[in-house]
Amino acid sequence: MAKKSLIQREKKRQKLELKYHLIRRSSKKEISKVPLLSDKWDIYGKLQSPPRNSAPTRLRRRCFLTGRPRANYRDFGLSGHKLREMVQAGLLPGATRSSW
């Protein structure tokens, strides 16, 4: 189980990313439209003004049940460990155990 403080930090980053998403997207569009390099530097300055935690690259996908940050499957929102347990218990419809 992940520490609760790390999970809360991740939720805070998600809120910040949603808040500043439009500002980042509009300034990136402006950069592509402006022909002068000096104007582009001004827009880059605006792009750096939002908090760093609002950048989408700072987000980390976590397991829905345990909060584990590694080995996550996007389709299920679970880590590999919990996914395997749930498939073996038959809790995920359509997922089968592999055998060879």
PDB file of N, CA and C in Angstrom:
ATOM      1  N   MET A   1       0.846  -1.176   0.000  1.00  0.00           N
ATOM      2  CA  MET A   1       0.000   0.000   0.000  1.00  0.00           C
ATOM      3  C   MET A   1       0.890   1.237   0.000  1.00  0.00           C
ATOM      4  N   ALA A   2       0.589   2.165  -0.875  1.00  0.00           N
ATOM      5  CA  ALA A   2       1.367   3.392  -0.966  1.00  0.00           C
ATOM      6  C   ALA A   2       1.032   4.299   0.218  1.00  0.00           C
ATOM      7  N   LYS A   3       1.974   5.155   0.543  1.00  0.00           N
ATOM      8  CA  LYS A   3       1.736   6.102   1.624  1.00  0.00           C
ATOM      9  C   LYS A   3       0.626   7.057   1.215  1.00  0.00           C
ATOM     10  N   LYS A   4      -0.195   7.410   2.174  1.00  0.00           N
ATOM     11  CA  LYS A   4      -1.331   8.284   1.881  1.00  0.00           C
ATOM     12  C   LYS A   4      -0.878   9.667   1.432  1.00  0.00           C
ATOM     13  N   SER A   5       0.260  10.104   1.920  1.00  0.00           N
ATOM     14  CA  SER A   5       0.753  11.425   1.525  1.00  0.00           C
ATOM     15  C   SER A   5       1.127  11.447   0.042  1.00  0.00           C
ATOM     16  N   LEU A   6       1.669  10.337  -0.468  1.00  0.00           N
ATOM     17  CA  LEU A   6       2.017  10.280  -1.885  1.00  0.00           C
ATOM     18  C   LEU A   6       0.774  10.264  -2.765  1.00  0.00           C
ATOM     19  N   ILE A   7      -0.255   9.570  -2.316  1.00  0.00           N
ATOM     20  CA  ILE A   7      -1.499   9.522  -3.073  1.00  0.00           C
ATOM     21  C   ILE A   7      -2.155  10.901  -3.089  1.00  0.00           C
ATOM     22  N   GLN A   8      -2.131  11.595  -1.959  1.00  0.00           N
ATOM     23  CA  GLN A   8      -2.706  12.937  -1.897  1.00  0.00           C
ATOM     24  C   GLN A   8      -1.920  13.918  -2.759  1.00  0.00           C
ATOM     25  N   ARG A   9      -0.609  13.765  -2.798  1.00  0.00           N
ATOM     26  CA  ARG A   9       0.230  14.622  -3.635  1.00  0.00           C
ATOM     27  C   ARG A   9      -0.121  14.427  -5.111  1.00  0.00           C
ATOM     28  N   GLU A  10      -0.381  13.176  -5.484  1.00  0.00           N
ATOM     29  CA  GLU A  10      -0.746  12.880  -6.863  1.00  0.00           C
ATOM     30  C   GLU A  10      -2.108  13.484  -7.211  1.00  0.00           C
ATOM     31  N   LYS A  11      -3.049  13.435  -6.287  1.00  0.00           N
ATOM     32  CA  LYS A  11      -4.362  14.038  -6.517  1.00  0.00           C
ATOM     33  C   LYS A  11      -4.240  15.552  -6.662  1.00  0.00           C
ATOM     34  N   LYS A  12      -3.365  16.148  -5.878  1.00  0.00           N
ATOM     35  CA  LYS A  12      -3.132  17.594  -5.972  1.00  0.00           C
ATOM     36  C   LYS A  12      -2.561  17.953  -7.338  1.00  0.00           C
ATOM     37  N   ARG A  13      -1.641  17.132  -7.840  1.00  0.00           N
ATOM     38  CA  ARG A  13      -1.067  17.367  -9.165  1.00  0.00           C
ATOM     39  C   ARG A  13      -2.123  17.246 -10.252  1.00  0.00           C
ATOM     40  N   GLN A  14      -3.044  16.304 -10.103  1.00  0.00           N
ATOM     41  CA  GLN A  14      -4.111  16.144 -11.089  1.00  0.00           C
ATOM     42  C   GLN A  14      -5.006  17.379 -11.134  1.00  0.00           C
ATOM     43  N   LYS A  15      -5.326  17.925  -9.960  1.00  0.00           N
ATOM     44  CA  LYS A  15      -6.151  19.131  -9.915  1.00  0.00           C
ATOM     45  C   LYS A  15      -5.427  20.309 -10.557  1.00  0.00           C
ATOM     46  N   LEU A  16      -4.146  20.456 -10.264  1.00  0.00           N
ATOM     47  CA  LEU A  16      -3.371  21.544 -10.856  1.00  0.00           C
ATOM     48  C   LEU A  16      -3.264  21.403 -12.372  1.00  0.00           C
ATOM     49  N   GLU A  17      -3.114  20.177 -12.839  1.00  0.00           N
ATOM     50  CA  GLU A  17      -2.993  19.952 -14.279  1.00  0.00           C
ATOM     51  C   GLU A  17      -4.292  20.339 -14.983  1.00  0.00           C
ATOM     52  N   LEU A  18      -5.432  20.017 -14.394  1.00  0.00           N
ATOM     53  CA  LEU A  18      -6.713  20.401 -14.979  1.00  0.00           C
ATOM     54  C   LEU A  18      -6.898  21.916 -14.970  1.00  0.00           C
ATOM     55  N   LYS A  19      -6.420  22.543 -13.912  1.00  0.00           N
ATOM     56  CA  LYS A  19      -6.585  23.988 -13.769  1.00  0.00           C
ATOM     57  C   LYS A  19      -5.793  24.761 -14.824  1.00  0.00           C
ATOM     58  N   TYR A  20      -4.559  24.333 -15.103  1.00  0.00           N
ATOM     59  CA  TYR A  20      -3.679  25.071 -16.006  1.00  0.00           C
ATOM     60  C   TYR A  20      -3.608  24.462 -17.408  1.00  0.00           C
ATOM     61  N   HIS A  21      -4.442  23.480 -17.700  1.00  0.00           N
ATOM     62  CA  HIS A  21      -4.389  22.796 -18.986  1.00  0.00           C
ATOM     63  C   HIS A  21      -4.640  23.750 -20.156  1.00  0.00           C
ATOM     64  N   LEU A  22      -5.652  24.587 -20.034  1.00  0.00           N
ATOM     65  CA  LEU A  22      -6.002  25.498 -21.124  1.00  0.00           C
ATOM     66  C   LEU A  22      -4.915  26.549 -21.356  1.00  0.00           C
ATOM     67  N   ILE A  23      -4.315  27.020 -20.292  1.00  0.00           N
ATOM     68  CA  ILE A  23      -3.242  28.016 -20.422  1.00  0.00           C
ATOM     69  C   ILE A  23      -2.059  27.421 -21.168  1.00  0.00           C
ATOM     70  N   ARG A  24      -1.678  26.218 -20.809  1.00  0.00           N
ATOM     71  CA  ARG A  24      -0.557  25.556 -21.481  1.00  0.00           C
ATOM     72  C   ARG A  24      -0.871  25.297 -22.950  1.00  0.00           C
ATOM     73  N   ARG A  25      -2.076  24.815 -23.232  1.00  0.00           N
ATOM     74  CA  ARG A  25      -2.434  24.492 -24.605  1.00  0.00           C
ATOM     75  C   ARG A  25      -2.487  25.741 -25.484  1.00  0.00           C
ATOM     76  N   SER A  26      -3.056  26.825 -24.959  1.00  0.00           N
ATOM     77  CA  SER A  26      -3.154  28.046 -25.765  1.00  0.00           C
ATOM     78  C   SER A  26      -1.782  28.657 -26.021  1.00  0.00           C
ATOM     79  N   SER A  27      -0.889  28.627 -25.024  1.00  0.00           N
ATOM     80  CA  SER A  27       0.442  29.199 -25.239  1.00  0.00           C
ATOM     81  C   SER A  27       1.265  28.351 -26.209  1.00  0.00           C
ATOM     82  N   LYS A  28       1.049  27.036 -26.228  1.00  0.00           N
ATOM     83  CA  LYS A  28       1.751  26.192 -27.193  1.00  0.00           C
ATOM     84  C   LYS A  28       1.264  26.459 -28.613  1.00  0.00           C
ATOM     85  N   LYS A  29      -0.035  26.734 -28.764  1.00  0.00           N
ATOM     86  CA  LYS A  29      -0.556  27.087 -30.086  1.00  0.00           C
ATOM     87  C   LYS A  29       0.016  28.428 -30.551  1.00  0.00           C
ATOM     88  N   GLU A  30       0.137  29.375 -29.618  1.00  0.00           N
ATOM     89  CA  GLU A  30       0.699  30.683 -29.951  1.00  0.00           C
ATOM     90  C   GLU A  30       2.130  30.555 -30.453  1.00  0.00           C
ATOM     91  N   ILE A  31       2.902  29.697 -29.843  1.00  0.00           N
ATOM     92  CA  ILE A  31       4.305  29.516 -30.219  1.00  0.00           C
ATOM     93  C   ILE A  31       4.408  29.068 -31.674  1.00  0.00           C
ATOM     94  N   SER A  32       3.518  28.174 -32.079  1.00  0.00           N
ATOM     95  CA  SER A  32       3.589  27.677 -33.456  1.00  0.00           C
ATOM     96  C   SER A  32       3.162  28.736 -34.469  1.00  0.00           C
ATOM     97  N   LYS A  33       2.354  29.705 -34.045  1.00  0.00           N
ATOM     98  CA  LYS A  33       1.857  30.725 -34.970  1.00  0.00           C
ATOM     99  C   LYS A  33       2.791  31.918 -35.117  1.00  0.00           C
ATOM    100  N   VAL A  34       3.588  32.220 -34.097  1.00  0.00           N
ATOM    101  CA  VAL A  34       4.427  33.423 -34.098  1.00  0.00           C
ATOM    102  C   VAL A  34       5.697  33.184 -34.918  1.00  0.00           C
ATOM    103  N   PRO A  35       6.004  34.066 -35.884  1.00  0.00           N
ATOM    104  CA  PRO A  35       7.199  33.851 -36.718  1.00  0.00           C
ATOM    105  C   PRO A  35       8.499  34.367 -36.081  1.00  0.00           C
ATOM    106  N   LEU A  36       8.428  35.403 -35.243  1.00  0.00           N
ATOM    107  CA  LEU A  36       9.649  35.992 -34.683  1.00  0.00           C
ATOM    108  C   LEU A  36      10.138  35.228 -33.459  1.00  0.00           C
ATOM    109  N   LEU A  37      11.431  35.042 -33.409  1.00  0.00           N
ATOM    110  CA  LEU A  37      12.036  34.287 -32.313  1.00  0.00           C
ATOM    111  C   LEU A  37      11.926  35.041 -30.987  1.00  0.00           C
ATOM    112  N   SER A  38      12.050  36.360 -31.035  1.00  0.00           N
ATOM    113  CA  SER A  38      11.964  37.143 -29.794  1.00  0.00           C
ATOM    114  C   SER A  38      10.571  37.039 -29.178  1.00  0.00           C
ATOM    115  N   ASP A  39       9.545  36.994 -30.029  1.00  0.00           N
ATOM    116  CA  ASP A  39       8.183  36.831 -29.508  1.00  0.00           C
ATOM    117  C   ASP A  39       7.985  35.427 -28.929  1.00  0.00           C
ATOM    118  N   LYS A  40       8.626  34.461 -29.554  1.00  0.00           N
ATOM    119  CA  LYS A  40       8.515  33.088 -29.046  1.00  0.00           C
ATOM    120  C   LYS A  40       9.118  32.977 -27.653  1.00  0.00           C
ATOM    121  N   TRP A  41      10.229  33.693 -27.410  1.00  0.00           N
ATOM    122  CA  TRP A  41      10.848  33.644 -26.084  1.00  0.00           C
ATOM    123  C   TRP A  41       9.912  34.220 -25.024  1.00  0.00           C
ATOM    124  N   ASP A  42       9.153  35.265 -25.385  1.00  0.00           N
ATOM    125  CA  ASP A  42       8.194  35.831 -24.435  1.00  0.00           C
ATOM    126  C   ASP A  42       7.101  34.819 -24.089  1.00  0.00           C
ATOM    127  N   ILE A  43       6.645  34.101 -25.107  1.00  0.00           N
ATOM    128  CA  ILE A  43       5.599  33.095 -24.872  1.00  0.00           C
ATOM    129  C   ILE A  43       6.153  31.928 -24.059  1.00  0.00           C
ATOM    130  N   TYR A  44       7.419  31.560 -24.305  1.00  0.00           N
ATOM    131  CA  TYR A  44       8.046  30.513 -23.495  1.00  0.00           C
ATOM    132  C   TYR A  44       8.095  30.934 -22.021  1.00  0.00           C
ATOM    133  N   GLY A  45       8.313  32.223 -21.787  1.00  0.00           N
ATOM    134  CA  GLY A  45       8.297  32.730 -20.412  1.00  0.00           C
ATOM    135  C   GLY A  45       6.932  32.555 -19.772  1.00  0.00           C
ATOM    136  N   LYS A  46       5.868  32.810 -20.538  1.00  0.00           N
ATOM    137  CA  LYS A  46       4.515  32.597 -20.021  1.00  0.00           C
ATOM    138  C   LYS A  46       4.266  31.115 -19.744  1.00  0.00           C
ATOM    139  N   LEU A  47       4.820  30.275 -20.591  1.00  0.00           N
ATOM    140  CA  LEU A  47       4.635  28.839 -20.432  1.00  0.00           C
ATOM    141  C   LEU A  47       5.321  28.324 -19.162  1.00  0.00           C
ATOM    142  N   GLN A  48       6.363  29.004 -18.739  1.00  0.00           N
ATOM    143  CA  GLN A  48       7.078  28.592 -17.529  1.00  0.00           C
ATOM    144  C   GLN A  48       6.482  29.198 -16.258  1.00  0.00           C
ATOM    145  N   SER A  49       5.533  30.109 -16.397  1.00  0.00           N
ATOM    146  CA  SER A  49       4.983  30.768 -15.216  1.00  0.00           C
ATOM    147  C   SER A  49       4.054  29.887 -14.367  1.00  0.00           C
ATOM    148  N   PRO A  50       3.271  28.941 -14.935  1.00  0.00           N
ATOM    149  CA  PRO A  50       2.450  28.086 -14.060  1.00  0.00           C
ATOM    150  C   PRO A  50       3.329  27.195 -13.173  1.00  0.00           C
ATOM    151  N   PRO A  51       2.769  26.685 -12.088  1.00  0.00           N
ATOM    152  CA  PRO A  51       3.551  25.816 -11.203  1.00  0.00           C
ATOM    153  C   PRO A  51       4.058  24.567 -11.918  1.00  0.00           C
ATOM    154  N   ARG A  52       5.185  24.078 -11.488  1.00  0.00           N
ATOM    155  CA  ARG A  52       5.768  22.894 -12.127  1.00  0.00           C
ATOM    156  C   ARG A  52       4.897  21.666 -11.961  1.00  0.00           C
ATOM    157  N   ASN A  53       4.216  21.577 -10.844  1.00  0.00           N
ATOM    158  CA  ASN A  53       3.370  20.407 -10.606  1.00  0.00           C
ATOM    159  C   ASN A  53       2.135  20.389 -11.486  1.00  0.00           C
ATOM    160  N   SER A  54       1.906  21.454 -12.248  1.00  0.00           N
ATOM    161  CA  SER A  54       0.758  21.468 -13.152  1.00  0.00           C
ATOM    162  C   SER A  54       1.106  20.875 -14.519  1.00  0.00           C
ATOM    163  N   ALA A  55       2.352  20.498 -14.728  1.00  0.00           N
ATOM    164  CA  ALA A  55       2.762  19.906 -15.996  1.00  0.00           C
ATOM    165  C   ALA A  55       2.244  18.465 -16.082  1.00  0.00           C
ATOM    166  N   PRO A  56       1.723  18.068 -17.235  1.00  0.00           N
ATOM    167  CA  PRO A  56       1.182  16.704 -17.340  1.00  0.00           C
ATOM    168  C   PRO A  56       2.241  15.614 -17.215  1.00  0.00           C
ATOM    169  N   THR A  57       3.500  15.925 -17.457  1.00  0.00           N
ATOM    170  CA  THR A  57       4.544  14.915 -17.325  1.00  0.00           C
ATOM    171  C   THR A  57       4.834  14.572 -15.871  1.00  0.00           C
ATOM    172  N   ARG A  58       4.377  15.392 -14.957  1.00  0.00           N
ATOM    173  CA  ARG A  58       4.588  15.106 -13.535  1.00  0.00           C
ATOM    174  C   ARG A  58       3.596  14.086 -12.986  1.00  0.00           C
ATOM    175  N   LEU A  59       2.522  13.826 -13.724  1.00  0.00           N
ATOM    176  CA  LEU A  59       1.515  12.878 -13.247  1.00  0.00           C
ATOM    177  C   LEU A  59       2.040  11.451 -13.346  1.00  0.00           C
ATOM    178  N   ARG A  60       1.604  10.634 -12.415  1.00  0.00           N
ATOM    179  CA  ARG A  60       2.018   9.241 -12.386  1.00  0.00           C
ATOM    180  C   ARG A  60       0.770   8.381 -12.280  1.00  0.00           C
ATOM    181  N   ARG A  61       0.642   7.401 -13.140  1.00  0.00           N
ATOM    182  CA  ARG A  61      -0.514   6.510 -13.094  1.00  0.00           C
ATOM    183  C   ARG A  61      -0.328   5.555 -11.919  1.00  0.00           C
ATOM    184  N   ARG A  62      -1.359   5.423 -11.083  1.00  0.00           N
ATOM    185  CA  ARG A  62      -1.273   4.572  -9.902  1.00  0.00           C
ATOM    186  C   ARG A  62      -2.376   3.518  -9.900  1.00  0.00           C
ATOM    187  N   CYS A  63      -2.119   2.456  -9.168  1.00  0.00           N
ATOM    188  CA  CYS A  63      -3.095   1.374  -9.020  1.00  0.00           C
ATOM    189  C   CYS A  63      -4.324   1.904  -8.269  1.00  0.00           C
ATOM    190  N   PHE A  64      -5.495   1.517  -8.741  1.00  0.00           N
ATOM    191  CA  PHE A  64      -6.743   1.976  -8.146  1.00  0.00           C
ATOM    192  C   PHE A  64      -6.913   1.448  -6.713  1.00  0.00           C
ATOM    193  N   LEU A  65      -6.479   0.229  -6.456  1.00  0.00           N
ATOM    194  CA  LEU A  65      -6.682  -0.385  -5.142  1.00  0.00           C
ATOM    195  C   LEU A  65      -5.575  -0.064  -4.150  1.00  0.00           C
ATOM    196  N   THR A  66      -4.320  -0.194  -4.590  1.00  0.00           N
ATOM    197  CA  THR A  66      -3.208  -0.083  -3.648  1.00  0.00           C
ATOM    198  C   THR A  66      -2.441   1.225  -3.748  1.00  0.00           C
ATOM    199  N   GLY A  67      -2.540   1.913  -4.876  1.00  0.00           N
ATOM    200  CA  GLY A  67      -1.781   3.135  -5.064  1.00  0.00           C
ATOM    201  C   GLY A  67      -0.369   2.896  -5.546  1.00  0.00           C
ATOM    202  N   ARG A  68      -0.070   1.670  -5.958  1.00  0.00           N
ATOM    203  CA  ARG A  68       1.276   1.328  -6.422  1.00  0.00           C
ATOM    204  C   ARG A  68       1.573   2.052  -7.732  1.00  0.00           C
ATOM    205  N   PRO A  69       2.748   2.719  -7.831  1.00  0.00           N
ATOM    206  CA  PRO A  69       3.029   3.533  -9.011  1.00  0.00           C
ATOM    207  C   PRO A  69       3.625   2.777 -10.188  1.00  0.00           C
ATOM    208  N   ARG A  70       4.014   1.527 -10.007  1.00  0.00           N
ATOM    209  CA  ARG A  70       4.691   0.808 -11.089  1.00  0.00           C
ATOM    210  C   ARG A  70       3.886  -0.387 -11.563  1.00  0.00           C
ATOM    211  N   ALA A  71       4.179  -0.806 -12.795  1.00  0.00           N
ATOM    212  CA  ALA A  71       3.563  -1.984 -13.412  1.00  0.00           C
ATOM    213  C   ALA A  71       2.047  -1.867 -13.454  1.00  0.00           C
ATOM    214  N   ASN A  72       1.549  -0.749 -13.987  1.00  0.00           N
ATOM    215  CA  ASN A  72       0.111  -0.539 -14.090  1.00  0.00           C
ATOM    216  C   ASN A  72      -0.394  -0.872 -15.481  1.00  0.00           C
ATOM    217  N   TYR A  73      -1.593  -1.428 -15.526  1.00  0.00           N
ATOM    218  CA  TYR A  73      -2.269  -1.722 -16.782  1.00  0.00           C
ATOM    219  C   TYR A  73      -3.366  -0.676 -16.970  1.00  0.00           C
ATOM    220  N   ARG A  74      -3.275   0.084 -18.054  1.00  0.00           N
ATOM    221  CA  ARG A  74      -4.226   1.167 -18.289  1.00  0.00           C
ATOM    222  C   ARG A  74      -5.656   0.661 -18.433  1.00  0.00           C
ATOM    223  N   ASP A  75      -5.827  -0.474 -19.082  1.00  0.00           N
ATOM    224  CA  ASP A  75      -7.171  -0.991 -19.334  1.00  0.00           C
ATOM    225  C   ASP A  75      -7.934  -1.258 -18.050  1.00  0.00           C
ATOM    226  N   PHE A  76      -7.241  -1.694 -17.023  1.00  0.00           N
ATOM    227  CA  PHE A  76      -7.888  -2.065 -15.776  1.00  0.00           C
ATOM    228  C   PHE A  76      -7.675  -1.048 -14.662  1.00  0.00           C
ATOM    229  N   GLY A  77      -6.621  -0.251 -14.744  1.00  0.00           N
ATOM    230  CA  GLY A  77      -6.305   0.696 -13.679  1.00  0.00           C
ATOM    231  C   GLY A  77      -5.726   0.005 -12.458  1.00  0.00           C
ATOM    232  N   LEU A  78      -5.136  -1.164 -12.673  1.00  0.00           N
ATOM    233  CA  LEU A  78      -4.606  -1.960 -11.568  1.00  0.00           C
ATOM    234  C   LEU A  78      -3.140  -2.272 -11.803  1.00  0.00           C
ATOM    235  N   SER A  79      -2.420  -2.536 -10.714  1.00  0.00           N
ATOM    236  CA  SER A  79      -1.044  -2.988 -10.852  1.00  0.00           C
ATOM    237  C   SER A  79      -1.059  -4.460 -11.243  1.00  0.00           C
ATOM    238  N   GLY A  80       0.071  -4.935 -11.752  1.00  0.00           N
ATOM    239  CA  GLY A  80       0.161  -6.313 -12.204  1.00  0.00           C
ATOM    240  C   GLY A  80      -0.117  -7.311 -11.106  1.00  0.00           C
ATOM    241  N   HIS A  81       0.301  -6.991  -9.889  1.00  0.00           N
ATOM    242  CA  HIS A  81       0.113  -7.881  -8.750  1.00  0.00           C
ATOM    243  C   HIS A  81      -1.370  -8.085  -8.449  1.00  0.00           C
ATOM    244  N   LYS A  82      -2.118  -6.989  -8.322  1.00  0.00           N
ATOM    245  CA  LYS A  82      -3.547  -7.070  -8.015  1.00  0.00           C
ATOM    246  C   LYS A  82      -4.340  -7.623  -9.199  1.00  0.00           C
ATOM    247  N   LEU A  83      -3.884  -7.300 -10.416  1.00  0.00           N
ATOM    248  CA  LEU A  83      -4.548  -7.813 -11.599  1.00  0.00           C
ATOM    249  C   LEU A  83      -4.483  -9.339 -11.621  1.00  0.00           C
ATOM    250  N   ARG A  84      -3.317  -9.890 -11.327  1.00  0.00           N
ATOM    251  CA  ARG A  84      -3.137 -11.344 -11.310  1.00  0.00           C
ATOM    252  C   ARG A  84      -4.023 -11.986 -10.248  1.00  0.00           C
ATOM    253  N   GLU A  85      -4.079 -11.373  -9.060  1.00  0.00           N
ATOM    254  CA  GLU A  85      -4.912 -11.918  -7.991  1.00  0.00           C
ATOM    255  C   GLU A  85      -6.385 -11.935  -8.384  1.00  0.00           C
ATOM    256  N   MET A  86      -6.846 -10.836  -9.011  1.00  0.00           N
ATOM    257  CA  MET A  86      -8.259 -10.738  -9.368  1.00  0.00           C
ATOM    258  C   MET A  86      -8.624 -11.683 -10.513  1.00  0.00           C
ATOM    259  N   VAL A  87      -7.702 -11.887 -11.454  1.00  0.00           N
ATOM    260  CA  VAL A  87      -7.972 -12.818 -12.541  1.00  0.00           C
ATOM    261  C   VAL A  87      -8.055 -14.236 -12.005  1.00  0.00           C
ATOM    262  N   GLN A  88      -7.164 -14.599 -11.096  1.00  0.00           N
ATOM    263  CA  GLN A  88      -7.191 -15.942 -10.529  1.00  0.00           C
ATOM    264  C   GLN A  88      -8.446 -16.182  -9.699  1.00  0.00           C
ATOM    265  N   ALA A  89      -8.946 -15.130  -9.076  1.00  0.00           N
ATOM    266  CA  ALA A  89     -10.169 -15.268  -8.288  1.00  0.00           C
ATOM    267  C   ALA A  89     -11.418 -15.209  -9.163  1.00  0.00           C
ATOM    268  N   GLY A  90     -11.258 -14.844 -10.442  1.00  0.00           N
ATOM    269  CA  GLY A  90     -12.393 -14.771 -11.357  1.00  0.00           C
ATOM    270  C   GLY A  90     -13.205 -13.506 -11.209  1.00  0.00           C
ATOM    271  N   LEU A  91     -12.598 -12.440 -10.705  1.00  0.00           N
ATOM    272  CA  LEU A  91     -13.313 -11.187 -10.476  1.00  0.00           C
ATOM    273  C   LEU A  91     -13.329 -10.268 -11.694  1.00  0.00           C
ATOM    274  N   LEU A  92     -12.492 -10.542 -12.685  1.00  0.00           N
ATOM    275  CA  LEU A  92     -12.460  -9.724 -13.898  1.00  0.00           C
ATOM    276  C   LEU A  92     -13.076 -10.512 -15.050  1.00  0.00           C
ATOM    277  N   PRO A  93     -14.255 -10.101 -15.513  1.00  0.00           N
ATOM    278  CA  PRO A  93     -14.894 -10.858 -16.589  1.00  0.00           C
ATOM    279  C   PRO A  93     -14.123 -10.710 -17.896  1.00  0.00           C
ATOM    280  N   GLY A  94     -13.958 -11.816 -18.591  1.00  0.00           N
ATOM    281  CA  GLY A  94     -13.260 -11.806 -19.872  1.00  0.00           C
ATOM    282  C   GLY A  94     -11.763 -12.025 -19.770  1.00  0.00           C
ATOM    283  N   ALA A  95     -11.191 -11.871 -18.619  1.00  0.00           N
ATOM    284  CA  ALA A  95      -9.751 -12.097 -18.438  1.00  0.00           C
ATOM    285  C   ALA A  95      -9.534 -13.538 -17.982  1.00  0.00           C
ATOM    286  N   THR A  96      -8.600 -14.210 -18.621  1.00  0.00           N
ATOM    287  CA  THR A  96      -8.325 -15.603 -18.280  1.00  0.00           C
ATOM    288  C   THR A  96      -6.875 -15.763 -17.879  1.00  0.00           C
ATOM    289  N   ARG A  97      -6.617 -16.792 -17.117  1.00  0.00           N
ATOM    290  CA  ARG A  97      -5.247 -17.105 -16.714  1.00  0.00           C
ATOM    291  C   ARG A  97      -4.502 -17.682 -17.909  1.00  0.00           C
ATOM    292  N   SER A  98      -3.233 -17.354 -17.985  1.00  0.00           N
ATOM    293  CA  SER A  98      -2.450 -17.918 -19.076  1.00  0.00           C
ATOM    294  C   SER A  98      -1.794 -19.219 -18.613  1.00  0.00           C
ATOM    295  N   SER A  99      -1.774 -20.177 -19.514  1.00  0.00           N
ATOM    296  CA  SER A  99      -1.097 -21.441 -19.211  1.00  0.00           C
ATOM    297  C   SER A  99      -0.445 -21.937 -20.482  1.00  0.00           C
ATOM    298  N   TRP A 100       0.730 -22.497 -20.341  1.00  0.00           N
ATOM    299  CA  TRP A 100       1.439 -23.039 -21.509  1.00  0.00           C
ATOM    300  C   TRP A 100       2.227 -24.261 -21.130  1.00  0.00           C
TER     301      TRP A 100
END
